[in-house]
Amino acid sequence: MSTTPDALDFNPMVSPHREDPHLFYRAARGRPIAFSPTLGAFMVTRYEDLCTVIDDPATYSSSVAVPRFYDNPPEVVAELERGGVPDTTAVVNEDLPGHTHFRRVFDAGFTGSRVRAMMPTMRTRANELVDGFAAGRADLVGDYAIPFVQTVISAIIGLPPEDTDRIQRWTDDVVTLWNPLAPVADRVESAKRLGDYTVYLQRIMDARRAEPREDLISDLVHGANGFPGLEDAHIQSIVRGAARVAGFDTTRDAITATMLSILEDPEVHRRVREDPARTIPRVTEEVLRRDAPHRGLFRITTRDTELGGTPLPAGTPLLLLFGSGNRDETVFPDPDAVDLDRPNVREHLAFGRGLHVCPGAPMARAEIRVALETLLRRLPGLRLADGYEPTYIASYFFRGLERLDVVW
């Protein structure tokens, strides 16, 4: 890779970073922390530096972790205002002390008991989807991972399953509005539709206020873990963002990335087939490390500081690239390999760490396990389709396969 300043820029939406960001990550880890003109932030790529930032929320504020809707251009903001879309921050953007209330109520939706209660739904849906495969062939992204995770996340949140398609379209709009690299015209169209989503969610929230159920929306409305319910605007933000976006995209991509790694490596595939109960959790963690489904989040410095030898004045934006830290060779030897016996694999940053560690991580791990167990048990002859080559979605925050074509 060239060592000119432009070569240090990073744009996950286009080639070559869209297909393989790891060549860039490797080069960036060997150099001082650098600024990306495209992303408008300094890129943090080394594991040690990432942990320094995550573990010091007083110096590195999360207030800019994901972009706010109302930070969009004026023509986008005008449509949001016209639709009555509330201007609030996401949970992941909250610093202490305010973060505690939001997080404690949000956590109630992902307790161990909730995970266990969801297991029958996961198993039923996974088997239904396999039953529906065309004879001998499937795309495990569109035919399996997407509808599987949609079913689970809707049940967790409390969204009617019959509304999945339109909720997914709205969710895609949320992702577009978060993406400062998306065309402004696309963001305007997404903003126009978010007013309908706001009305839709408000109706469900009002229904849960009158008749609570065992779902996340009821927790957010009525409160949990000794904390009162949240304001409606914040509930809207949590449901459409931290719950529906993060709970869908990352789990979808983790399922397919893990399945691809199994099918690409005959030795890994053999070990998983021979001892699935032991090896599926291992391969899951290793692929979460190696192919983190979430690219990273932003921070901003609250004071003058220094990170990795680079001076950072107060107000400096940073992009934490977890996928790079997870392949830092100083922490994970032979980082590009899938090593089922890696002793420190659970130290990966795929679910974050510390104050903002992902509350849905236990649920996501359960979803991945059930999805893989069902495929491997039901389709013992599963293999990649002849000529299949992985291609990746153009995404600002997520790294996921466009398709995963398999035969059996």
Protein backbone atom coordinates (compact mmCIF):
# COMPACT_ATOMS: atom_id res chain seq x y z
CA MET A 1 0.00 0.00 0.00
CA SER A 2 1.21 3.50 -0.79
CA THR A 3 2.38 5.57 2.15
CA THR A 4 1.06 8.84 0.77
CA PRO A 5 -1.37 10.67 3.10
CA ASP A 6 -4.33 9.93 0.80
CA ALA A 7 -3.66 6.20 1.16
CA LEU A 8 -4.50 6.48 4.85
CA ASP A 9 -8.03 7.66 4.10
CA PHE A 10 -10.78 5.12 4.72
CA ASN A 11 -14.12 4.77 2.95
CA PRO A 12 -16.00 1.53 3.74
CA MET A 13 -18.60 2.27 1.08
CA VAL A 14 -16.33 1.75 -1.94
CA SER A 15 -13.51 -0.44 -3.25
CA PRO A 16 -11.09 -1.60 -2.02
CA HIS A 17 -12.17 -1.03 1.60
CA ARG A 18 -15.68 -2.35 0.98
CA GLU A 19 -14.38 -5.78 -0.05
CA ASP A 20 -11.48 -6.07 2.38
CA PRO A 21 -10.84 -3.38 4.99
CA HIS A 22 -8.20 -5.53 6.69
CA LEU A 23 -5.37 -4.60 4.35
CA PHE A 24 -5.99 -1.00 5.32
CA TYR A 25 -6.36 -1.86 9.01
CA ARG A 26 -3.03 -3.69 9.00
CA ALA A 27 -1.22 -0.73 7.45
CA ALA A 28 -2.93 1.75 9.77
CA ARG A 29 -1.94 -0.18 12.91
CA GLY A 30 1.70 0.27 11.93
CA ARG A 31 1.46 4.06 11.75
CA PRO A 32 0.46 6.90 14.09
CA ILE A 33 -3.26 7.55 14.46
CA ALA A 34 -4.31 9.31 11.26
CA PHE A 35 -7.18 11.52 10.12
CA SER A 36 -9.66 10.31 7.49
CA PRO A 37 -10.91 13.22 5.37
CA THR A 38 -13.77 11.05 4.12
CA LEU A 39 -15.03 10.17 7.60
CA GLY A 40 -13.99 13.42 9.25
CA ALA A 41 -12.35 11.67 12.19
CA PHE A 42 -9.10 10.21 13.43
CA MET A 43 -9.10 6.43 13.02
CA VAL A 44 -8.23 4.33 16.07
CA THR A 45 -7.05 0.92 14.86
CA ARG A 46 -4.76 -0.61 17.54
CA TYR A 47 -6.26 -2.76 20.27
CA GLU A 48 -4.41 -0.99 23.09
CA ASP A 49 -5.51 2.43 21.86
CA LEU A 50 -9.10 1.25 21.45
CA CYS A 51 -9.17 -0.01 25.04
CA THR A 52 -7.67 3.26 26.28
CA VAL A 53 -10.52 5.19 24.67
CA ILE A 54 -13.29 2.81 25.73
CA ASP A 55 -12.05 2.64 29.33
CA ASP A 56 -11.87 6.43 29.75
CA PRO A 57 -15.37 7.80 29.01
CA ALA A 58 -14.55 11.03 30.85
CA THR A 59 -11.88 11.93 28.28
CA TYR A 60 -13.52 10.29 25.26
CA SER A 61 -17.20 11.19 25.20
CA SER A 62 -19.76 8.94 23.49
CA SER A 63 -22.02 11.85 22.62
CA VAL A 64 -21.17 11.44 18.92
CA ALA A 65 -21.09 7.60 18.89
CA VAL A 66 -23.62 7.46 16.06
CA PRO A 67 -24.71 10.52 14.04
CA ARG A 68 -27.90 12.26 15.09
CA PHE A 69 -30.76 12.51 12.60
CA TYR A 70 -30.87 16.26 13.04
CA ASP A 71 -27.21 16.66 12.11
CA ASN A 72 -28.22 16.00 8.51
CA PRO A 73 -28.38 18.74 5.84
CA PRO A 74 -31.23 21.29 6.13
CA GLU A 75 -33.41 19.69 3.46
CA VAL A 76 -33.28 16.40 5.40
CA VAL A 77 -33.99 18.09 8.73
CA ALA A 78 -36.99 19.87 7.19
CA GLU A 79 -38.57 16.51 6.31
CA LEU A 80 -37.88 15.13 9.79
CA GLU A 81 -39.53 18.15 11.37
CA ARG A 82 -42.48 17.88 9.01
CA GLY A 83 -42.99 14.28 10.10
CA GLY A 84 -42.69 15.02 13.81
CA VAL A 85 -39.66 12.74 14.20
CA PRO A 86 -38.24 13.36 17.70
CA ASP A 87 -34.73 14.79 17.99
CA THR A 88 -33.08 12.61 20.61
CA THR A 89 -29.78 10.84 21.10
CA ALA A 90 -29.27 7.08 21.00
CA VAL A 91 -28.47 5.11 24.16
CA VAL A 92 -24.95 4.60 22.90
CA ASN A 93 -24.55 8.40 22.69
CA GLU A 94 -25.34 8.92 26.37
CA ASP A 95 -22.51 9.67 28.80
CA LEU A 96 -22.67 9.29 32.56
CA PRO A 97 -24.64 9.97 34.64
CA GLY A 98 -27.61 10.00 32.24
CA HIS A 99 -26.56 6.74 30.61
CA THR A 100 -27.33 4.71 33.74
CA HIS A 101 -31.12 5.22 33.63
CA PHE A 102 -31.38 4.48 29.90
CA ARG A 103 -29.16 1.43 30.11
CA ARG A 104 -30.73 -0.17 33.17
CA VAL A 105 -34.19 -0.02 31.64
CA PHE A 106 -32.92 -1.21 28.26
CA ASP A 107 -31.07 -4.15 29.84
CA ALA A 108 -34.36 -5.61 31.06
CA GLY A 109 -35.16 -6.72 27.54
CA PHE A 110 -32.12 -9.00 27.33
CA THR A 111 -31.95 -10.83 30.66
CA GLY A 112 -31.04 -14.49 30.90
CA SER A 113 -34.69 -15.37 31.41
CA ARG A 114 -35.66 -13.46 28.28
CA VAL A 115 -32.98 -15.28 26.29
CA ARG A 116 -34.23 -18.65 27.54
CA ALA A 117 -37.82 -17.71 26.78
CA MET A 118 -36.87 -16.89 23.19
CA MET A 119 -35.16 -20.21 22.48
CA PRO A 120 -38.33 -22.08 21.33
CA THR A 121 -39.14 -19.20 18.94
CA MET A 122 -35.61 -19.34 17.54
CA ARG A 123 -35.70 -23.11 17.00
CA THR A 124 -39.15 -23.10 15.45
CA ARG A 125 -38.31 -20.30 13.03
CA ALA A 126 -34.95 -21.80 12.02
CA ASN A 127 -36.59 -25.12 11.18
CA GLU A 128 -39.44 -23.44 9.28
CA LEU A 129 -36.93 -21.62 7.12
CA VAL A 130 -34.94 -24.77 6.34
CA ASP A 131 -38.20 -26.52 5.48
CA GLY A 132 -38.89 -23.72 3.00
CA PHE A 133 -35.57 -23.93 1.13
CA ALA A 134 -35.71 -24.80 -2.53
CA ALA A 135 -34.47 -28.33 -3.23
CA GLY A 136 -30.73 -28.48 -2.80
CA ARG A 137 -29.90 -24.76 -2.87
CA ALA A 138 -30.28 -21.56 -0.80
CA ASP A 139 -28.90 -18.10 -0.17
CA LEU A 140 -28.27 -18.11 3.58
CA VAL A 141 -28.47 -14.31 3.73
CA GLY A 142 -31.84 -13.69 2.10
CA ASP A 143 -33.44 -17.10 2.66
CA TYR A 144 -32.29 -17.69 6.23
CA ALA A 145 -30.39 -15.12 8.29
CA ILE A 146 -32.58 -12.13 7.42
CA PRO A 147 -36.02 -13.69 8.15
CA PHE A 148 -34.64 -15.60 11.15
CA VAL A 149 -33.27 -12.51 12.90
CA GLN A 150 -36.29 -10.42 11.92
CA THR A 151 -38.58 -12.87 13.68
CA VAL A 152 -36.50 -12.92 16.85
CA ILE A 153 -35.89 -9.18 17.15
CA SER A 154 -39.55 -8.39 16.50
CA ALA A 155 -40.59 -10.75 19.28
CA ILE A 156 -38.05 -9.25 21.69
CA ILE A 157 -39.10 -5.67 21.01
CA GLY A 158 -42.81 -6.41 20.77
CA LEU A 159 -43.41 -5.59 17.11
CA PRO A 160 -46.17 -7.46 15.23
CA PRO A 161 -44.67 -10.12 12.94
CA GLU A 162 -47.07 -9.23 10.15
CA ASP A 163 -45.46 -5.77 9.96
CA THR A 164 -41.92 -7.09 9.41
CA ASP A 165 -41.53 -5.91 5.82
CA ARG A 166 -42.48 -2.30 6.42
CA ILE A 167 -40.53 -2.16 9.68
CA GLN A 168 -37.49 -3.38 7.75
CA ARG A 169 -37.94 -0.63 5.18
CA TRP A 170 -38.10 1.95 7.97
CA THR A 171 -35.06 0.39 9.60
CA ASP A 172 -33.14 0.73 6.34
CA ASP A 173 -34.19 4.39 6.34
CA VAL A 174 -32.72 4.84 9.83
CA VAL A 175 -29.40 3.42 8.64
CA THR A 176 -29.45 5.77 5.64
CA LEU A 177 -30.05 8.79 7.88
CA TRP A 178 -27.11 7.76 10.07
CA ASN A 179 -24.80 7.54 7.07
CA PRO A 180 -23.14 10.88 6.23
CA LEU A 181 -21.74 9.29 3.06
CA ALA A 182 -25.21 8.46 1.69
CA PRO A 183 -26.50 10.73 -1.12
CA VAL A 184 -28.49 13.63 0.30
CA ALA A 185 -31.41 12.79 -2.01
CA ASP A 186 -31.60 9.31 -0.45
CA ARG A 187 -31.57 10.81 3.03
CA VAL A 188 -34.38 13.19 2.11
CA GLU A 189 -36.54 10.27 0.93
CA SER A 190 -35.76 8.30 4.09
CA ALA A 191 -36.63 11.30 6.25
CA LYS A 192 -40.01 11.59 4.52
CA ARG A 193 -40.89 8.05 5.58
CA LEU A 194 -39.75 8.36 9.19
CA GLY A 195 -42.84 10.37 10.12
CA ASP A 196 -44.98 7.28 9.46
CA TYR A 197 -42.61 5.17 11.55
CA THR A 198 -42.92 7.66 14.42
CA VAL A 199 -46.71 7.43 14.35
CA TYR A 200 -46.57 3.64 14.11
CA LEU A 201 -44.28 3.24 17.12
CA GLN A 202 -46.29 5.72 19.17
CA ARG A 203 -49.44 3.62 18.70
CA ILE A 204 -47.65 0.53 20.00
CA MET A 205 -46.19 2.45 22.94
CA ASP A 206 -49.65 3.77 23.86
CA ALA A 207 -51.05 0.23 23.66
CA ARG A 208 -48.33 -1.09 26.00
CA ARG A 209 -48.96 1.78 28.40
CA ALA A 210 -52.53 0.54 28.73
CA GLU A 211 -51.71 -3.19 28.61
CA PRO A 212 -48.05 -4.13 29.25
CA ARG A 213 -46.60 -7.37 27.91
CA GLU A 214 -43.35 -9.30 28.27
CA ASP A 215 -41.47 -7.25 25.70
CA LEU A 216 -38.91 -4.48 25.46
CA ILE A 217 -41.40 -1.73 24.61
CA SER A 218 -43.31 -2.46 27.82
CA ASP A 219 -40.07 -2.28 29.81
CA LEU A 220 -39.20 1.06 28.25
CA VAL A 221 -42.68 2.48 28.86
CA HIS A 222 -43.17 1.26 32.43
CA GLY A 223 -39.58 1.07 33.66
CA ALA A 224 -37.46 -1.79 35.00
CA ASN A 225 -34.65 -2.62 37.40
CA GLY A 226 -35.82 0.03 39.84
CA PHE A 227 -35.85 2.83 37.25
CA PRO A 228 -38.96 4.57 35.88
CA GLY A 229 -40.06 4.40 32.27
CA LEU A 230 -38.50 6.66 29.68
CA GLU A 231 -39.95 9.59 27.78
CA ASP A 232 -41.70 8.67 24.55
CA ALA A 233 -39.09 10.41 22.38
CA HIS A 234 -36.30 8.35 23.93
CA ILE A 235 -38.30 5.13 23.57
CA GLN A 236 -38.69 5.93 19.87
CA SER A 237 -34.93 6.38 19.55
CA ILE A 238 -34.10 3.16 21.38
CA VAL A 239 -36.57 0.99 19.47
CA ARG A 240 -35.73 2.26 15.99
CA GLY A 241 -31.97 2.40 16.63
CA ALA A 242 -30.26 0.41 19.39
CA ALA A 243 -32.90 -2.35 19.33
CA ARG A 244 -34.05 -2.73 15.72
CA VAL A 245 -30.94 -1.63 13.78
CA ALA A 246 -28.20 -2.98 16.04
CA GLY A 247 -30.20 -6.07 16.96
CA PHE A 248 -30.81 -6.97 13.32
CA ASP A 249 -27.80 -6.06 11.18
CA THR A 250 -25.06 -7.31 13.46
CA THR A 251 -26.68 -10.67 14.21
CA ARG A 252 -27.59 -11.28 10.57
CA ASP A 253 -24.00 -10.63 9.53
CA ALA A 254 -22.49 -12.67 12.37
CA ILE A 255 -24.58 -15.73 11.43
CA THR A 256 -23.54 -15.63 7.78
CA ALA A 257 -19.89 -14.76 8.47
CA THR A 258 -19.61 -17.69 10.86
CA MET A 259 -21.25 -20.09 8.44
CA LEU A 260 -18.94 -18.93 5.65
CA SER A 261 -15.87 -19.51 7.84
CA ILE A 262 -17.06 -23.02 8.65
CA LEU A 263 -17.69 -23.91 5.01
CA GLU A 264 -14.43 -22.37 3.76
CA ASP A 265 -12.18 -24.35 6.12
CA PRO A 266 -12.43 -28.18 5.91
CA GLU A 267 -10.75 -28.69 9.29
CA VAL A 268 -13.05 -26.23 11.04
CA HIS A 269 -16.03 -27.82 9.30
CA ARG A 270 -14.93 -31.30 10.45
CA ARG A 271 -14.54 -30.25 14.07
CA VAL A 272 -17.89 -28.48 14.12
CA ARG A 273 -19.66 -31.51 12.62
CA GLU A 274 -18.03 -33.92 15.06
CA ASP A 275 -18.64 -31.91 18.24
CA PRO A 276 -21.14 -29.10 17.59
CA ALA A 277 -21.99 -28.45 21.24
CA ARG A 278 -18.35 -27.69 22.02
CA THR A 279 -17.15 -26.09 18.81
CA ILE A 280 -20.06 -23.89 17.71
CA PRO A 281 -19.54 -21.47 20.64
CA ARG A 282 -15.80 -21.48 19.88
CA VAL A 283 -16.14 -20.76 16.18
CA THR A 284 -18.76 -18.11 16.94
CA GLU A 285 -16.38 -16.16 19.18
CA GLU A 286 -13.49 -16.58 16.79
CA VAL A 287 -15.46 -15.27 13.83
CA LEU A 288 -16.87 -12.41 15.91
CA ARG A 289 -13.25 -11.52 16.53
CA ARG A 290 -12.00 -12.10 12.99
CA ASP A 291 -14.97 -10.59 11.13
CA ALA A 292 -16.64 -8.20 13.55
CA PRO A 293 -20.08 -7.39 12.10
CA HIS A 294 -20.05 -3.84 13.48
CA ARG A 295 -17.31 -1.63 12.09
CA GLY A 296 -17.08 0.82 14.97
CA LEU A 297 -18.42 3.87 16.78
CA PHE A 298 -17.35 7.47 17.20
CA ARG A 299 -15.99 9.34 20.21
CA ILE A 300 -14.96 12.96 20.80
CA THR A 301 -12.27 14.20 23.16
CA THR A 302 -13.41 16.35 26.08
CA ARG A 303 -9.92 17.71 26.82
CA ASP A 304 -6.47 17.93 25.25
CA THR A 305 -4.89 14.49 25.36
CA GLU A 306 -2.53 12.13 23.55
CA LEU A 307 -3.32 8.72 22.12
CA GLY A 308 -0.75 6.35 20.70
CA GLY A 309 1.74 9.18 20.45
CA THR A 310 -0.66 11.47 18.55
CA PRO A 311 -1.71 14.74 20.24
CA LEU A 312 -5.48 15.23 20.19
CA PRO A 313 -6.94 18.63 21.14
CA ALA A 314 -10.27 18.86 22.93
CA GLY A 315 -13.11 18.36 20.46
CA THR A 316 -11.25 15.88 18.24
CA PRO A 317 -13.55 13.25 16.67
CA LEU A 318 -12.35 9.63 16.67
CA LEU A 319 -13.67 6.53 14.89
CA LEU A 320 -13.08 3.35 16.88
CA LEU A 321 -12.46 0.56 14.35
CA PHE A 322 -13.20 -2.56 16.37
CA GLY A 323 -12.62 -4.80 13.38
CA SER A 324 -9.01 -3.64 13.25
CA GLY A 325 -8.40 -4.09 16.96
CA ASN A 326 -9.76 -7.63 16.73
CA ARG A 327 -6.98 -8.49 14.28
CA ASP A 328 -4.19 -6.71 16.14
CA GLU A 329 -1.30 -9.17 15.88
CA THR A 330 0.18 -7.99 19.18
CA VAL A 331 -2.90 -9.33 20.98
CA PHE A 332 -4.16 -12.11 18.70
CA PRO A 333 -1.28 -14.04 17.05
CA ASP A 334 -1.94 -15.17 13.46
CA PRO A 335 -5.00 -12.90 13.52
CA ASP A 336 -6.32 -13.72 10.04
CA ALA A 337 -6.70 -17.42 10.85
CA VAL A 338 -9.77 -19.10 12.32
CA ASP A 339 -8.30 -20.76 15.41
CA LEU A 340 -10.83 -22.74 17.42
CA ASP A 341 -8.36 -23.04 20.29
CA ARG A 342 -7.41 -19.36 20.61
CA PRO A 343 -7.03 -18.87 24.39
CA ASN A 344 -7.93 -15.17 24.57
CA VAL A 345 -10.68 -15.06 21.95
CA ARG A 346 -13.25 -13.64 24.41
CA GLU A 347 -11.16 -10.48 24.64
CA HIS A 348 -12.44 -9.40 21.22
CA LEU A 349 -14.27 -6.10 20.85
CA ALA A 350 -17.07 -7.20 18.53
CA PHE A 351 -19.67 -6.32 21.19
CA GLY A 352 -17.75 -3.35 22.52
CA ARG A 353 -16.53 -3.17 26.09
CA GLY A 354 -17.10 -1.34 29.34
CA LEU A 355 -19.86 1.23 29.79
CA HIS A 356 -21.37 0.70 26.33
CA VAL A 357 -20.87 -3.04 25.92
CA CYS A 358 -23.73 -4.42 23.82
CA PRO A 359 -26.69 -5.37 26.07
CA GLY A 360 -27.97 -7.77 23.42
CA ALA A 361 -24.78 -9.83 23.24
CA PRO A 362 -26.22 -12.88 25.11
CA MET A 363 -29.28 -12.87 22.85
CA ALA A 364 -27.14 -12.53 19.73
CA ARG A 365 -24.92 -15.43 20.80
CA ALA A 366 -28.01 -17.57 21.34
CA GLU A 367 -29.38 -16.66 17.91
CA ILE A 368 -26.10 -17.50 16.20
CA ARG A 369 -25.88 -20.83 18.02
CA VAL A 370 -29.43 -21.90 17.15
CA ALA A 371 -29.07 -20.78 13.53
CA LEU A 372 -25.84 -22.76 13.05
CA GLU A 373 -26.97 -25.83 14.98
CA THR A 374 -30.12 -26.08 12.89
CA LEU A 375 -28.33 -25.75 9.56
CA LEU A 376 -25.62 -28.26 10.42
CA ARG A 377 -28.07 -30.78 11.84
CA ARG A 378 -30.66 -30.50 9.10
CA LEU A 379 -28.24 -30.21 6.15
CA PRO A 380 -25.19 -32.40 6.88
CA GLY A 381 -24.00 -32.16 3.27
CA LEU A 382 -24.02 -28.36 3.24
CA ARG A 383 -21.26 -26.76 1.15
CA LEU A 384 -20.56 -23.56 -0.75
CA ALA A 385 -22.06 -23.37 -4.24
CA ASP A 386 -19.61 -23.86 -7.10
CA GLY A 387 -18.06 -20.57 -8.12
CA TYR A 388 -19.31 -18.69 -5.09
CA GLU A 389 -17.22 -15.62 -4.19
CA PRO A 390 -18.13 -13.49 -1.17
CA THR A 391 -19.16 -9.89 -1.82
CA TYR A 392 -19.99 -7.35 0.87
CA ILE A 393 -22.72 -4.75 1.31
CA ALA A 394 -21.87 -1.07 1.00
CA SER A 395 -22.34 0.05 4.59
CA TYR A 396 -21.00 2.80 6.79
CA PHE A 397 -21.35 0.88 10.08
CA PHE A 398 -21.76 -2.80 9.26
CA ARG A 399 -19.75 -5.45 7.44
CA GLY A 400 -21.97 -8.12 6.00
CA LEU A 401 -22.23 -10.51 3.08
CA GLU A 402 -24.54 -9.66 0.19
CA ARG A 403 -25.22 -13.38 -0.41
CA LEU A 404 -24.10 -16.75 0.87
CA ASP A 405 -24.95 -19.34 -1.79
CA VAL A 406 -24.90 -22.95 -0.58
CA VAL A 407 -25.88 -26.36 -1.92
CA TRP A 408 -26.34 -29.80 -0.36
